[in-house]
Amino acid sequence: MFTFETADQKEVRRFRMAQFNGKFATVRSGGRTVTGRVRSVREEGSSIPTRWIITIVPSAPGKATAPPSPARRYHSFAEDFRDLYE
């Protein structure tokens, strides 16, 4: 798990939305880039300015997948009515 601290409210909002929607989030901190799911966003209320501690579970990069191929059409709609008009 990767844990870091921030005081940027825009960044915290982005991580909370990623956590709520189950999306991946990317963090660049100290020359390191981590991509994963947000596990927690905790407020450290005893500090001024307010800070948040964000925990991210890194994920392995997935391989690119091709879009699914369209379903095969075995016969057209017109063929269903061919017998009616012959």
C-alpha atoms as a PDB file:
ATOM      1  CA  MET A   1       0.000   0.000   0.000  1.00  0.00           C
ATOM      2  CA  PHE A   2       1.109   3.520  -0.750  1.00  0.00           C
ATOM      3  CA  THR A   3       0.246   6.244   1.779  1.00  0.00           C
ATOM      4  CA  PHE A   4       0.821   9.952   1.381  1.00  0.00           C
ATOM      5  CA  GLU A   5      -0.327  13.235   2.858  1.00  0.00           C
ATOM      6  CA  THR A   6      -1.780  16.281   1.115  1.00  0.00           C
ATOM      7  CA  ALA A   7      -3.421  19.605   1.956  1.00  0.00           C
ATOM      8  CA  ASP A   8      -4.774  20.232  -1.555  1.00  0.00           C
ATOM      9  CA  GLN A   9      -8.597  20.092  -1.441  1.00  0.00           C
ATOM     10  CA  LYS A  10      -8.946  19.605  -5.216  1.00  0.00           C
ATOM     11  CA  GLU A  11      -6.694  16.581  -5.072  1.00  0.00           C
ATOM     12  CA  VAL A  12      -8.604  15.149  -2.112  1.00  0.00           C
ATOM     13  CA  ARG A  13     -11.906  15.579  -3.947  1.00  0.00           C
ATOM     14  CA  ARG A  14     -10.489  13.739  -6.970  1.00  0.00           C
ATOM     15  CA  PHE A  15      -9.395  10.819  -4.775  1.00  0.00           C
ATOM     16  CA  ARG A  16     -12.715  10.654  -2.949  1.00  0.00           C
ATOM     17  CA  MET A  17     -14.573  10.508  -6.273  1.00  0.00           C
ATOM     18  CA  ALA A  18     -12.244   7.749  -7.511  1.00  0.00           C
ATOM     19  CA  GLN A  19     -12.829   5.818  -4.288  1.00  0.00           C
ATOM     20  CA  PHE A  20     -16.614   6.199  -4.476  1.00  0.00           C
ATOM     21  CA  ASN A  21     -16.789   5.220  -8.162  1.00  0.00           C
ATOM     22  CA  GLY A  22     -14.281   2.365  -7.897  1.00  0.00           C
ATOM     23  CA  LYS A  23     -11.942   3.950 -10.450  1.00  0.00           C
ATOM     24  CA  PHE A  24      -8.162   3.935 -10.590  1.00  0.00           C
ATOM     25  CA  ALA A  25      -6.246   6.991  -9.418  1.00  0.00           C
ATOM     26  CA  THR A  26      -2.697   8.041 -10.270  1.00  0.00           C
ATOM     27  CA  VAL A  27      -0.370   9.821  -7.851  1.00  0.00           C
ATOM     28  CA  ARG A  28       2.945  11.446  -8.623  1.00  0.00           C
ATOM     29  CA  SER A  29       4.925  11.932  -5.435  1.00  0.00           C
ATOM     30  CA  GLY A  30       8.659  12.331  -5.015  1.00  0.00           C
ATOM     31  CA  GLY A  31       9.479  11.325  -8.572  1.00  0.00           C
ATOM     32  CA  ARG A  32       7.426   8.161  -8.223  1.00  0.00           C
ATOM     33  CA  THR A  33       4.164   7.401 -10.039  1.00  0.00           C
ATOM     34  CA  VAL A  34       1.655   5.026  -8.443  1.00  0.00           C
ATOM     35  CA  THR A  35      -1.621   3.902 -10.031  1.00  0.00           C
ATOM     36  CA  GLY A  36      -4.204   1.942  -8.087  1.00  0.00           C
ATOM     37  CA  ARG A  37      -7.491   1.964  -6.230  1.00  0.00           C
ATOM     38  CA  VAL A  38      -8.070   4.411  -3.390  1.00  0.00           C
ATOM     39  CA  ARG A  39      -8.562   2.521  -0.143  1.00  0.00           C
ATOM     40  CA  SER A  40      -9.061   5.398   2.280  1.00  0.00           C
ATOM     41  CA  VAL A  41      -9.122   9.177   2.550  1.00  0.00           C
ATOM     42  CA  ARG A  42      -8.749  10.245   6.170  1.00  0.00           C
ATOM     43  CA  GLU A  43      -8.777  13.782   7.512  1.00  0.00           C
ATOM     44  CA  GLU A  44      -6.113  14.760  10.000  1.00  0.00           C
ATOM     45  CA  GLY A  45      -8.177  17.316  11.892  1.00  0.00           C
ATOM     46  CA  SER A  46      -5.606  18.287  14.497  1.00  0.00           C
ATOM     47  CA  SER A  47      -3.400  20.113  11.999  1.00  0.00           C
ATOM     48  CA  ILE A  48      -3.655  23.604  10.581  1.00  0.00           C
ATOM     49  CA  PRO A  49      -4.099  23.742   7.606  1.00  0.00           C
ATOM     50  CA  THR A  50      -6.175  20.583   7.428  1.00  0.00           C
ATOM     51  CA  ARG A  51      -4.336  17.627   5.907  1.00  0.00           C
ATOM     52  CA  TRP A  52      -5.633  14.364   4.487  1.00  0.00           C
ATOM     53  CA  ILE A  53      -3.938  10.977   4.547  1.00  0.00           C
ATOM     54  CA  ILE A  54      -4.674   8.988   1.392  1.00  0.00           C
ATOM     55  CA  THR A  55      -4.002   5.263   1.050  1.00  0.00           C
ATOM     56  CA  ILE A  56      -3.778   3.682  -2.405  1.00  0.00           C
ATOM     57  CA  VAL A  57      -3.511  -0.024  -3.202  1.00  0.00           C
ATOM     58  CA  PRO A  58      -1.209  -0.230  -6.254  1.00  0.00           C
ATOM     59  CA  SER A  59      -2.277  -2.396  -9.145  1.00  0.00           C
ATOM     60  CA  ALA A  60      -0.154  -4.142 -11.726  1.00  0.00           C
ATOM     61  CA  PRO A  61      -0.435  -2.631 -15.183  1.00  0.00           C
ATOM     62  CA  GLY A  62      -2.953  -4.619 -17.189  1.00  0.00           C
ATOM     63  CA  LYS A  63      -2.447  -5.645 -20.758  1.00  0.00           C
ATOM     64  CA  ALA A  64      -4.365  -3.817 -23.440  1.00  0.00           C
ATOM     65  CA  THR A  65      -7.414  -5.686 -24.633  1.00  0.00           C
ATOM     66  CA  ALA A  66      -8.984  -5.437 -28.052  1.00  0.00           C
ATOM     67  CA  PRO A  67     -12.628  -4.404 -28.211  1.00  0.00           C
ATOM     68  CA  PRO A  68     -15.006  -7.335 -28.569  1.00  0.00           C
ATOM     69  CA  SER A  69     -15.892  -8.301 -32.098  1.00  0.00           C
ATOM     70  CA  PRO A  70     -19.454  -7.656 -33.217  1.00  0.00           C
ATOM     71  CA  ALA A  71     -21.926 -10.518 -32.930  1.00  0.00           C
ATOM     72  CA  ARG A  72     -22.259 -12.640 -36.024  1.00  0.00           C
ATOM     73  CA  ARG A  73     -25.440 -12.357 -37.997  1.00  0.00           C
ATOM     74  CA  TYR A  74     -26.474 -15.743 -39.274  1.00  0.00           C
ATOM     75  CA  HIS A  75     -29.313 -14.404 -41.385  1.00  0.00           C
ATOM     76  CA  SER A  76     -30.850 -11.058 -42.074  1.00  0.00           C
ATOM     77  CA  PHE A  77     -34.214  -9.855 -40.879  1.00  0.00           C
ATOM     78  CA  ALA A  78     -35.569  -9.995 -44.453  1.00  0.00           C
ATOM     79  CA  GLU A  79     -34.878 -13.727 -44.649  1.00  0.00           C
ATOM     80  CA  ASP A  80     -37.435 -14.339 -41.888  1.00  0.00           C
ATOM     81  CA  PHE A  81     -40.217 -13.141 -44.197  1.00  0.00           C
ATOM     82  CA  ARG A  82     -38.916 -14.648 -47.451  1.00  0.00           C
ATOM     83  CA  ASP A  83     -41.141 -17.749 -47.121  1.00  0.00           C
ATOM     84  CA  LEU A  84     -44.264 -15.593 -46.693  1.00  0.00           C
ATOM     85  CA  TYR A  85     -43.877 -13.884 -50.065  1.00  0.00           C
ATOM     86  CA  GLU A  86     -42.738 -16.804 -52.257  1.00  0.00           C
END
